[in-house]
Amino acid sequence: VPIQCEYYALEGLSQLIHTIELVQERLNPE
């Protein structure tokens, strides 16, 4: 995950991590 060094860097990151966790759970446990 590339993150730009800017004020809103963390915004949206939790959403991305949530999506990754859903994919891990349901589609690709590896």
Full PDB file with SEQRES, HELIX, SHEET, SSBOND, CRYST1, ORIGX, SCALE, CONECT and MASTER records, all heavy atoms in Angstrom:
SEQRES   1 A   30  VAL PRO ILE GLN CYS GLU TYR TYR ALA LEU GLU GLY LEU          
SEQRES   2 A   30  SER GLN LEU ILE HIS THR ILE GLU LEU VAL GLN GLU ARG          
SEQRES   3 A   30  LEU ASN PRO GLU                                              
HELIX    1 AA1 LEU A   13  ARG A   26  1                                  14    
CRYST1    1.000    1.000    1.000  90.00  90.00  90.00 P 1           1          
ORIGX1      1.000000  0.000000  0.000000        0.00000                         
ORIGX2      0.000000  1.000000  0.000000        0.00000                         
ORIGX3      0.000000  0.000000  1.000000        0.00000                         
SCALE1      1.000000  0.000000  0.000000        0.00000                         
SCALE2      0.000000  1.000000  0.000000        0.00000                         
SCALE3      0.000000  0.000000  1.000000        0.00000                         
ATOM      1  N   VAL A   1       0.848  -1.193   0.000  1.00  0.00           N  
ATOM      2  CA  VAL A   1       0.000   0.000   0.000  1.00  0.00           C  
ATOM      3  C   VAL A   1       0.885   1.245   0.000  1.00  0.00           C  
ATOM      4  O   VAL A   1       1.559   1.524   0.989  1.00  0.00           O  
ATOM      5  CB  VAL A   1      -0.910   0.020   1.253  1.00  0.00           C  
ATOM      6  CG1 VAL A   1      -1.823   1.247   1.220  1.00  0.00           C  
ATOM      7  CG2 VAL A   1      -1.726  -1.267   1.359  1.00  0.00           C  
ATOM      8  N   PRO A   2       0.905   1.992  -1.109  1.00  0.00           N  
ATOM      9  CA  PRO A   2       1.648   3.258  -1.103  1.00  0.00           C  
ATOM     10  C   PRO A   2       0.811   4.329  -0.394  1.00  0.00           C  
ATOM     11  O   PRO A   2      -0.395   4.433  -0.616  1.00  0.00           O  
ATOM     12  CB  PRO A   2       1.805   3.616  -2.584  1.00  0.00           C  
ATOM     13  CG  PRO A   2       1.113   2.544  -3.359  1.00  0.00           C  
ATOM     14  CD  PRO A   2       0.286   1.732  -2.422  1.00  0.00           C  
ATOM     15  N   ILE A   3       1.448   5.090   0.462  1.00  0.00           N  
ATOM     16  CA  ILE A   3       0.767   6.171   1.166  1.00  0.00           C  
ATOM     17  C   ILE A   3       1.525   7.464   0.927  1.00  0.00           C  
ATOM     18  O   ILE A   3       2.732   7.535   1.151  1.00  0.00           O  
ATOM     19  CB  ILE A   3       0.730   5.906   2.686  1.00  0.00           C  
ATOM     20  CG1 ILE A   3      -0.132   4.684   2.983  1.00  0.00           C  
ATOM     21  CG2 ILE A   3       0.181   7.121   3.422  1.00  0.00           C  
ATOM     22  CD1 ILE A   3      -0.317   4.460   4.470  1.00  0.00           C  
ATOM     23  N   GLN A   4       0.789   8.470   0.471  1.00  0.00           N  
ATOM     24  CA  GLN A   4       1.419   9.759   0.249  1.00  0.00           C  
ATOM     25  C   GLN A   4       1.611  10.467   1.589  1.00  0.00           C  
ATOM     26  O   GLN A   4       0.745  10.399   2.458  1.00  0.00           O  
ATOM     27  CB  GLN A   4       0.525  10.609  -0.654  1.00  0.00           C  
ATOM     28  CG  GLN A   4       1.155  11.913  -1.070  1.00  0.00           C  
ATOM     29  CD  GLN A   4       0.216  12.736  -1.928  1.00  0.00           C  
ATOM     30  OE1 GLN A   4      -0.828  12.266  -2.334  1.00  0.00           O  
ATOM     31  NE2 GLN A   4       0.596  13.972  -2.180  1.00  0.00           N  
ATOM     32  N   CYS A   5       2.752  11.104   1.732  1.00  0.00           N  
ATOM     33  CA  CYS A   5       3.020  11.829   2.972  1.00  0.00           C  
ATOM     34  C   CYS A   5       2.245  13.139   2.988  1.00  0.00           C  
ATOM     35  O   CYS A   5       2.780  14.207   2.689  1.00  0.00           O  
ATOM     36  CB  CYS A   5       4.519  12.114   3.100  1.00  0.00           C  
ATOM     37  SG  CYS A   5       5.461  10.626   3.399  1.00  0.00           S  
ATOM     38  N   GLU A   6       0.954  13.048   3.303  1.00  0.00           N  
ATOM     39  CA  GLU A   6       0.129  14.254   3.355  1.00  0.00           C  
ATOM     40  C   GLU A   6      -0.862  14.110   4.494  1.00  0.00           C  
ATOM     41  O   GLU A   6      -1.048  13.036   5.049  1.00  0.00           O  
ATOM     42  CB  GLU A   6      -0.603  14.475   2.034  1.00  0.00           C  
ATOM     43  CG  GLU A   6      -1.374  13.257   1.582  1.00  0.00           C  
ATOM     44  CD  GLU A   6      -2.715  13.581   0.960  1.00  0.00           C  
ATOM     45  OE1 GLU A   6      -2.807  14.585   0.271  1.00  0.00           O  
ATOM     46  OE2 GLU A   6      -3.660  12.820   1.195  1.00  0.00           O  
ATOM     47  N   TYR A   7      -1.533  15.204   4.797  1.00  0.00           N  
ATOM     48  CA  TYR A   7      -2.369  15.281   5.990  1.00  0.00           C  
ATOM     49  C   TYR A   7      -3.452  14.199   6.017  1.00  0.00           C  
ATOM     50  O   TYR A   7      -3.752  13.641   7.065  1.00  0.00           O  
ATOM     51  CB  TYR A   7      -2.994  16.673   6.068  1.00  0.00           C  
ATOM     52  CG  TYR A   7      -3.786  16.888   7.326  1.00  0.00           C  
ATOM     53  CD1 TYR A   7      -3.151  16.902   8.571  1.00  0.00           C  
ATOM     54  CD2 TYR A   7      -5.163  17.066   7.276  1.00  0.00           C  
ATOM     55  CE1 TYR A   7      -3.873  17.089   9.736  1.00  0.00           C  
ATOM     56  CE2 TYR A   7      -5.892  17.260   8.441  1.00  0.00           C  
ATOM     57  CZ  TYR A   7      -5.243  17.266   9.666  1.00  0.00           C  
ATOM     58  OH  TYR A   7      -5.963  17.452  10.821  1.00  0.00           O  
ATOM     59  N   TYR A   8      -4.046  13.907   4.871  1.00  0.00           N  
ATOM     60  CA  TYR A   8      -5.158  12.948   4.846  1.00  0.00           C  
ATOM     61  C   TYR A   8      -4.702  11.528   4.550  1.00  0.00           C  
ATOM     62  O   TYR A   8      -5.478  10.705   4.091  1.00  0.00           O  
ATOM     63  CB  TYR A   8      -6.199  13.372   3.808  1.00  0.00           C  
ATOM     64  CG  TYR A   8      -6.897  14.661   4.170  1.00  0.00           C  
ATOM     65  CD1 TYR A   8      -6.695  15.817   3.429  1.00  0.00           C  
ATOM     66  CD2 TYR A   8      -7.747  14.719   5.276  1.00  0.00           C  
ATOM     67  CE1 TYR A   8      -7.327  17.002   3.769  1.00  0.00           C  
ATOM     68  CE2 TYR A   8      -8.377  15.906   5.632  1.00  0.00           C  
ATOM     69  CZ  TYR A   8      -8.170  17.037   4.872  1.00  0.00           C  
ATOM     70  OH  TYR A   8      -8.788  18.211   5.218  1.00  0.00           O  
ATOM     71  N   ALA A   9      -3.457  11.241   4.819  1.00  0.00           N  
ATOM     72  CA  ALA A   9      -2.900   9.939   4.440  1.00  0.00           C  
ATOM     73  C   ALA A   9      -3.698   8.763   5.009  1.00  0.00           C  
ATOM     74  O   ALA A   9      -3.921   7.763   4.333  1.00  0.00           O  
ATOM     75  CB  ALA A   9      -1.446   9.839   4.895  1.00  0.00           C  
ATOM     76  N   LEU A  10      -4.114   8.890   6.261  1.00  0.00           N  
ATOM     77  CA  LEU A  10      -4.788   7.759   6.903  1.00  0.00           C  
ATOM     78  C   LEU A  10      -6.248   7.626   6.484  1.00  0.00           C  
ATOM     79  O   LEU A  10      -6.862   6.587   6.663  1.00  0.00           O  
ATOM     80  CB  LEU A  10      -4.719   7.902   8.434  1.00  0.00           C  
ATOM     81  CG  LEU A  10      -3.373   7.508   9.048  1.00  0.00           C  
ATOM     82  CD1 LEU A  10      -3.313   7.927  10.502  1.00  0.00           C  
ATOM     83  CD2 LEU A  10      -3.134   6.020   8.931  1.00  0.00           C  
ATOM     84  N   GLU A  11      -6.765   8.710   5.910  1.00  0.00           N  
ATOM     85  CA  GLU A  11      -8.171   8.675   5.492  1.00  0.00           C  
ATOM     86  C   GLU A  11      -8.324   7.695   4.327  1.00  0.00           C  
ATOM     87  O   GLU A  11      -7.572   7.745   3.355  1.00  0.00           O  
ATOM     88  CB  GLU A  11      -8.595  10.072   5.043  1.00  0.00           C  
ATOM     89  CG  GLU A  11     -10.075  10.305   5.057  1.00  0.00           C  
ATOM     90  CD  GLU A  11     -10.396  11.767   4.785  1.00  0.00           C  
ATOM     91  OE1 GLU A  11     -10.384  12.570   5.732  1.00  0.00           O  
ATOM     92  OE2 GLU A  11     -10.613  12.091   3.618  1.00  0.00           O  
ATOM     93  N   GLY A  12      -9.279   6.816   4.423  1.00  0.00           N  
ATOM     94  CA  GLY A  12      -9.466   5.853   3.343  1.00  0.00           C  
ATOM     95  C   GLY A  12      -8.630   4.606   3.539  1.00  0.00           C  
ATOM     96  O   GLY A  12      -8.898   3.568   2.935  1.00  0.00           O  
ATOM     97  N   LEU A  13      -7.607   4.706   4.387  1.00  0.00           N  
ATOM     98  CA  LEU A  13      -6.744   3.538   4.581  1.00  0.00           C  
ATOM     99  C   LEU A  13      -7.471   2.440   5.346  1.00  0.00           C  
ATOM    100  O   LEU A  13      -7.351   1.259   5.032  1.00  0.00           O  
ATOM    101  CB  LEU A  13      -5.477   3.959   5.331  1.00  0.00           C  
ATOM    102  CG  LEU A  13      -4.343   2.956   5.254  1.00  0.00           C  
ATOM    103  CD1 LEU A  13      -3.916   2.745   3.813  1.00  0.00           C  
ATOM    104  CD2 LEU A  13      -3.157   3.409   6.073  1.00  0.00           C  
ATOM    105  N   SER A  14      -8.288   2.866   6.329  1.00  0.00           N  
ATOM    106  CA  SER A  14      -9.024   1.850   7.097  1.00  0.00           C  
ATOM    107  C   SER A  14     -10.032   1.136   6.193  1.00  0.00           C  
ATOM    108  O   SER A  14     -10.269  -0.060   6.331  1.00  0.00           O  
ATOM    109  CB  SER A  14      -9.734   2.500   8.289  1.00  0.00           C  
ATOM    110  OG  SER A  14     -10.554   3.559   7.835  1.00  0.00           O  
ATOM    111  N   GLN A  15     -10.592   1.891   5.236  1.00  0.00           N  
ATOM    112  CA  GLN A  15     -11.522   1.286   4.269  1.00  0.00           C  
ATOM    113  C   GLN A  15     -10.799   0.240   3.420  1.00  0.00           C  
ATOM    114  O   GLN A  15     -11.300  -0.863   3.183  1.00  0.00           O  
ATOM    115  CB  GLN A  15     -12.097   2.396   3.370  1.00  0.00           C  
ATOM    116  CG  GLN A  15     -13.059   1.905   2.299  1.00  0.00           C  
ATOM    117  CD  GLN A  15     -14.317   1.271   2.876  1.00  0.00           C  
ATOM    118  OE1 GLN A  15     -14.921   1.817   3.783  1.00  0.00           O  
ATOM    119  NE2 GLN A  15     -14.701   0.113   2.381  1.00  0.00           N  
ATOM    120  N   LEU A  16      -9.598   0.591   2.980  1.00  0.00           N  
ATOM    121  CA  LEU A  16      -8.814  -0.341   2.166  1.00  0.00           C  
ATOM    122  C   LEU A  16      -8.473  -1.602   2.970  1.00  0.00           C  
ATOM    123  O   LEU A  16      -8.608  -2.723   2.491  1.00  0.00           O  
ATOM    124  CB  LEU A  16      -7.521   0.339   1.686  1.00  0.00           C  
ATOM    125  CG  LEU A  16      -6.578  -0.534   0.863  1.00  0.00           C  
ATOM    126  CD1 LEU A  16      -7.184  -0.877  -0.490  1.00  0.00           C  
ATOM    127  CD2 LEU A  16      -5.236   0.154   0.659  1.00  0.00           C  
ATOM    128  N   ILE A  17      -8.054  -1.395   4.214  1.00  0.00           N  
ATOM    129  CA  ILE A  17      -7.690  -2.547   5.048  1.00  0.00           C  
ATOM    130  C   ILE A  17      -8.917  -3.420   5.318  1.00  0.00           C  
ATOM    131  O   ILE A  17      -8.837  -4.650   5.308  1.00  0.00           O  
ATOM    132  CB  ILE A  17      -7.012  -2.064   6.356  1.00  0.00           C  
ATOM    133  CG1 ILE A  17      -5.620  -1.518   6.006  1.00  0.00           C  
ATOM    134  CG2 ILE A  17      -6.889  -3.200   7.378  1.00  0.00           C  
ATOM    135  CD1 ILE A  17      -4.902  -0.812   7.122  1.00  0.00           C  
ATOM    136  N   HIS A  18     -10.072  -2.775   5.494  1.00  0.00           N  
ATOM    137  CA  HIS A  18     -11.324  -3.516   5.681  1.00  0.00           C  
ATOM    138  C   HIS A  18     -11.619  -4.375   4.445  1.00  0.00           C  
ATOM    139  O   HIS A  18     -11.987  -5.554   4.554  1.00  0.00           O  
ATOM    140  CB  HIS A  18     -12.471  -2.534   5.941  1.00  0.00           C  
ATOM    141  CG  HIS A  18     -13.799  -3.195   6.088  1.00  0.00           C  
ATOM    142  ND1 HIS A  18     -14.081  -4.099   7.102  1.00  0.00           N  
ATOM    143  CD2 HIS A  18     -14.930  -3.107   5.336  1.00  0.00           C  
ATOM    144  CE1 HIS A  18     -15.334  -4.520   6.961  1.00  0.00           C  
ATOM    145  NE2 HIS A  18     -15.865  -3.944   5.904  1.00  0.00           N  
ATOM    146  N   THR A  19     -11.444  -3.793   3.264  1.00  0.00           N  
ATOM    147  CA  THR A  19     -11.680  -4.542   2.020  1.00  0.00           C  
ATOM    148  C   THR A  19     -10.723  -5.726   1.917  1.00  0.00           C  
ATOM    149  O   THR A  19     -11.129  -6.839   1.568  1.00  0.00           O  
ATOM    150  CB  THR A  19     -11.479  -3.618   0.796  1.00  0.00           C  
ATOM    151  OG1 THR A  19     -12.359  -2.513   0.917  1.00  0.00           O  
ATOM    152  CG2 THR A  19     -11.759  -4.344  -0.505  1.00  0.00           C  
ATOM    153  N   ILE A  20      -9.461  -5.477   2.249  1.00  0.00           N  
ATOM    154  CA  ILE A  20      -8.471  -6.560   2.193  1.00  0.00           C  
ATOM    155  C   ILE A  20      -8.870  -7.681   3.154  1.00  0.00           C  
ATOM    156  O   ILE A  20      -8.798  -8.867   2.816  1.00  0.00           O  
ATOM    157  CB  ILE A  20      -7.058  -6.018   2.521  1.00  0.00           C  
ATOM    158  CG1 ILE A  20      -6.599  -5.054   1.414  1.00  0.00           C  
ATOM    159  CG2 ILE A  20      -6.058  -7.166   2.673  1.00  0.00           C  
ATOM    160  CD1 ILE A  20      -5.355  -4.245   1.745  1.00  0.00           C  
ATOM    161  N   GLU A  21      -9.340  -7.292   4.341  1.00  0.00           N  
ATOM    162  CA  GLU A  21      -9.751  -8.310   5.324  1.00  0.00           C  
ATOM    163  C   GLU A  21     -10.958  -9.111   4.835  1.00  0.00           C  
ATOM    164  O   GLU A  21     -11.041 -10.321   5.037  1.00  0.00           O  
ATOM    165  CB  GLU A  21     -10.052  -7.642   6.679  1.00  0.00           C  
ATOM    166  CG  GLU A  21      -8.768  -7.238   7.409  1.00  0.00           C  
ATOM    167  CD  GLU A  21      -9.011  -6.321   8.604  1.00  0.00           C  
ATOM    168  OE1 GLU A  21     -10.165  -5.861   8.788  1.00  0.00           O  
ATOM    169  OE2 GLU A  21      -8.040  -6.059   9.339  1.00  0.00           O  
ATOM    170  N   LEU A  22     -11.892  -8.440   4.161  1.00  0.00           N  
ATOM    171  CA  LEU A  22     -13.047  -9.150   3.591  1.00  0.00           C  
ATOM    172  C   LEU A  22     -12.602 -10.150   2.531  1.00  0.00           C  
ATOM    173  O   LEU A  22     -13.101 -11.278   2.468  1.00  0.00           O  
ATOM    174  CB  LEU A  22     -14.032  -8.157   2.961  1.00  0.00           C  
ATOM    175  CG  LEU A  22     -14.969  -7.413   3.904  1.00  0.00           C  
ATOM    176  CD1 LEU A  22     -15.829  -6.436   3.120  1.00  0.00           C  
ATOM    177  CD2 LEU A  22     -15.862  -8.388   4.668  1.00  0.00           C  
ATOM    178  N   VAL A  23     -11.657  -9.708   1.674  1.00  0.00           N  
ATOM    179  CA  VAL A  23     -11.137 -10.615   0.642  1.00  0.00           C  
ATOM    180  C   VAL A  23     -10.440 -11.808   1.301  1.00  0.00           C  
ATOM    181  O   VAL A  23     -10.617 -12.959   0.882  1.00  0.00           O  
ATOM    182  CB  VAL A  23     -10.177  -9.863  -0.314  1.00  0.00           C  
ATOM    183  CG1 VAL A  23      -9.486 -10.830  -1.260  1.00  0.00           C  
ATOM    184  CG2 VAL A  23     -10.943  -8.818  -1.122  1.00  0.00           C  
ATOM    185  N   GLN A  24      -9.670 -11.544   2.358  1.00  0.00           N  
ATOM    186  CA  GLN A  24      -8.996 -12.634   3.086  1.00  0.00           C  
ATOM    187  C   GLN A  24     -10.028 -13.630   3.631  1.00  0.00           C  
ATOM    188  O   GLN A  24      -9.874 -14.843   3.505  1.00  0.00           O  
ATOM    189  CB  GLN A  24      -8.203 -12.063   4.276  1.00  0.00           C  
ATOM    190  CG  GLN A  24      -6.907 -11.382   3.873  1.00  0.00           C  
ATOM    191  CD  GLN A  24      -6.314 -10.562   5.013  1.00  0.00           C  
ATOM    192  OE1 GLN A  24      -7.034 -10.002   5.835  1.00  0.00           O  
ATOM    193  NE2 GLN A  24      -4.985 -10.474   5.060  1.00  0.00           N  
ATOM    194  N   GLU A  25     -11.082 -13.084   4.223  1.00  0.00           N  
ATOM    195  CA  GLU A  25     -12.105 -13.913   4.855  1.00  0.00           C  
ATOM    196  C   GLU A  25     -12.848 -14.780   3.851  1.00  0.00           C  
ATOM    197  O   GLU A  25     -13.095 -15.957   4.080  1.00  0.00           O  
ATOM    198  CB  GLU A  25     -13.131 -12.971   5.505  1.00  0.00           C  
ATOM    199  CG  GLU A  25     -13.392 -13.198   6.972  1.00  0.00           C  
ATOM    200  CD  GLU A  25     -14.259 -12.055   7.488  1.00  0.00           C  
ATOM    201  OE1 GLU A  25     -15.485 -12.132   7.281  1.00  0.00           O  
ATOM    202  OE2 GLU A  25     -13.704 -11.075   8.035  1.00  0.00           O  
ATOM    203  N   ARG A  26     -13.233 -14.160   2.726  1.00  0.00           N  
ATOM    204  CA  ARG A  26     -14.207 -14.811   1.851  1.00  0.00           C  
ATOM    205  C   ARG A  26     -13.628 -15.378   0.562  1.00  0.00           C  
ATOM    206  O   ARG A  26     -14.208 -16.281  -0.036  1.00  0.00           O  
ATOM    207  CB  ARG A  26     -15.308 -13.810   1.484  1.00  0.00           C  
ATOM    208  CG  ARG A  26     -16.041 -13.338   2.724  1.00  0.00           C  
ATOM    209  CD  ARG A  26     -17.118 -12.340   2.409  1.00  0.00           C  
ATOM    210  NE  ARG A  26     -17.666 -11.794   3.663  1.00  0.00           N  
ATOM    211  CZ  ARG A  26     -18.597 -10.865   3.710  1.00  0.00           C  
ATOM    212  NH1 ARG A  26     -19.087 -10.368   2.592  1.00  0.00           N  
ATOM    213  NH2 ARG A  26     -19.043 -10.424   4.876  1.00  0.00           N  
ATOM    214  N   LEU A  27     -12.528 -14.818   0.101  1.00  0.00           N  
ATOM    215  CA  LEU A  27     -12.080 -15.155  -1.247  1.00  0.00           C  
ATOM    216  C   LEU A  27     -10.645 -15.673  -1.325  1.00  0.00           C  
ATOM    217  O   LEU A  27     -10.326 -16.504  -2.158  1.00  0.00           O  
ATOM    218  CB  LEU A  27     -12.207 -13.919  -2.164  1.00  0.00           C  
ATOM    219  CG  LEU A  27     -13.613 -13.329  -2.309  1.00  0.00           C  
ATOM    220  CD1 LEU A  27     -13.538 -11.972  -2.982  1.00  0.00           C  
ATOM    221  CD2 LEU A  27     -14.519 -14.260  -3.100  1.00  0.00           C  
ATOM    222  N   ASN A  28      -9.760 -15.108  -0.505  1.00  0.00           N  
ATOM    223  CA  ASN A  28      -8.343 -15.463  -0.627  1.00  0.00           C  
ATOM    224  C   ASN A  28      -7.674 -15.448   0.753  1.00  0.00           C  
ATOM    225  O   ASN A  28      -7.024 -14.477   1.139  1.00  0.00           O  
ATOM    226  CB  ASN A  28      -7.632 -14.479  -1.575  1.00  0.00           C  
ATOM    227  CG  ASN A  28      -6.158 -14.803  -1.773  1.00  0.00           C  
ATOM    228  OD1 ASN A  28      -5.654 -15.799  -1.249  1.00  0.00           O  
ATOM    229  ND2 ASN A  28      -5.458 -13.957  -2.511  1.00  0.00           N  
ATOM    230  N   PRO A  29      -7.838 -16.553   1.509  1.00  0.00           N  
ATOM    231  CA  PRO A  29      -7.300 -16.586   2.872  1.00  0.00           C  
ATOM    232  C   PRO A  29      -5.782 -16.444   2.939  1.00  0.00           C  
ATOM    233  O   PRO A  29      -5.228 -16.112   3.979  1.00  0.00           O  
ATOM    234  CB  PRO A  29      -7.744 -17.962   3.393  1.00  0.00           C  
ATOM    235  CG  PRO A  29      -8.196 -18.739   2.209  1.00  0.00           C  
ATOM    236  CD  PRO A  29      -8.567 -17.774   1.147  1.00  0.00           C  
ATOM    237  N   GLU A  30      -5.101 -16.662   1.804  1.00  0.00           N  
ATOM    238  CA  GLU A  30      -3.631 -16.569   1.780  1.00  0.00           C  
ATOM    239  C   GLU A  30      -3.131 -15.127   1.681  1.00  0.00           C  
ATOM    240  O   GLU A  30      -1.955 -14.850   1.872  1.00  0.00           O  
ATOM    241  CB  GLU A  30      -3.059 -17.344   0.574  1.00  0.00           C  
ATOM    242  CG  GLU A  30      -3.543 -18.792   0.440  1.00  0.00           C  
ATOM    243  CD  GLU A  30      -3.050 -19.638   1.598  1.00  0.00           C  
ATOM    244  OE1 GLU A  30      -1.829 -19.711   1.783  1.00  0.00           O  
ATOM    245  OE2 GLU A  30      -3.904 -20.210   2.316  1.00  0.00           O  
TER     246      GLU A  30                                                      
MASTER        0    0    0    1    0    0    0    6  245    1    0    3          
END                                                                             
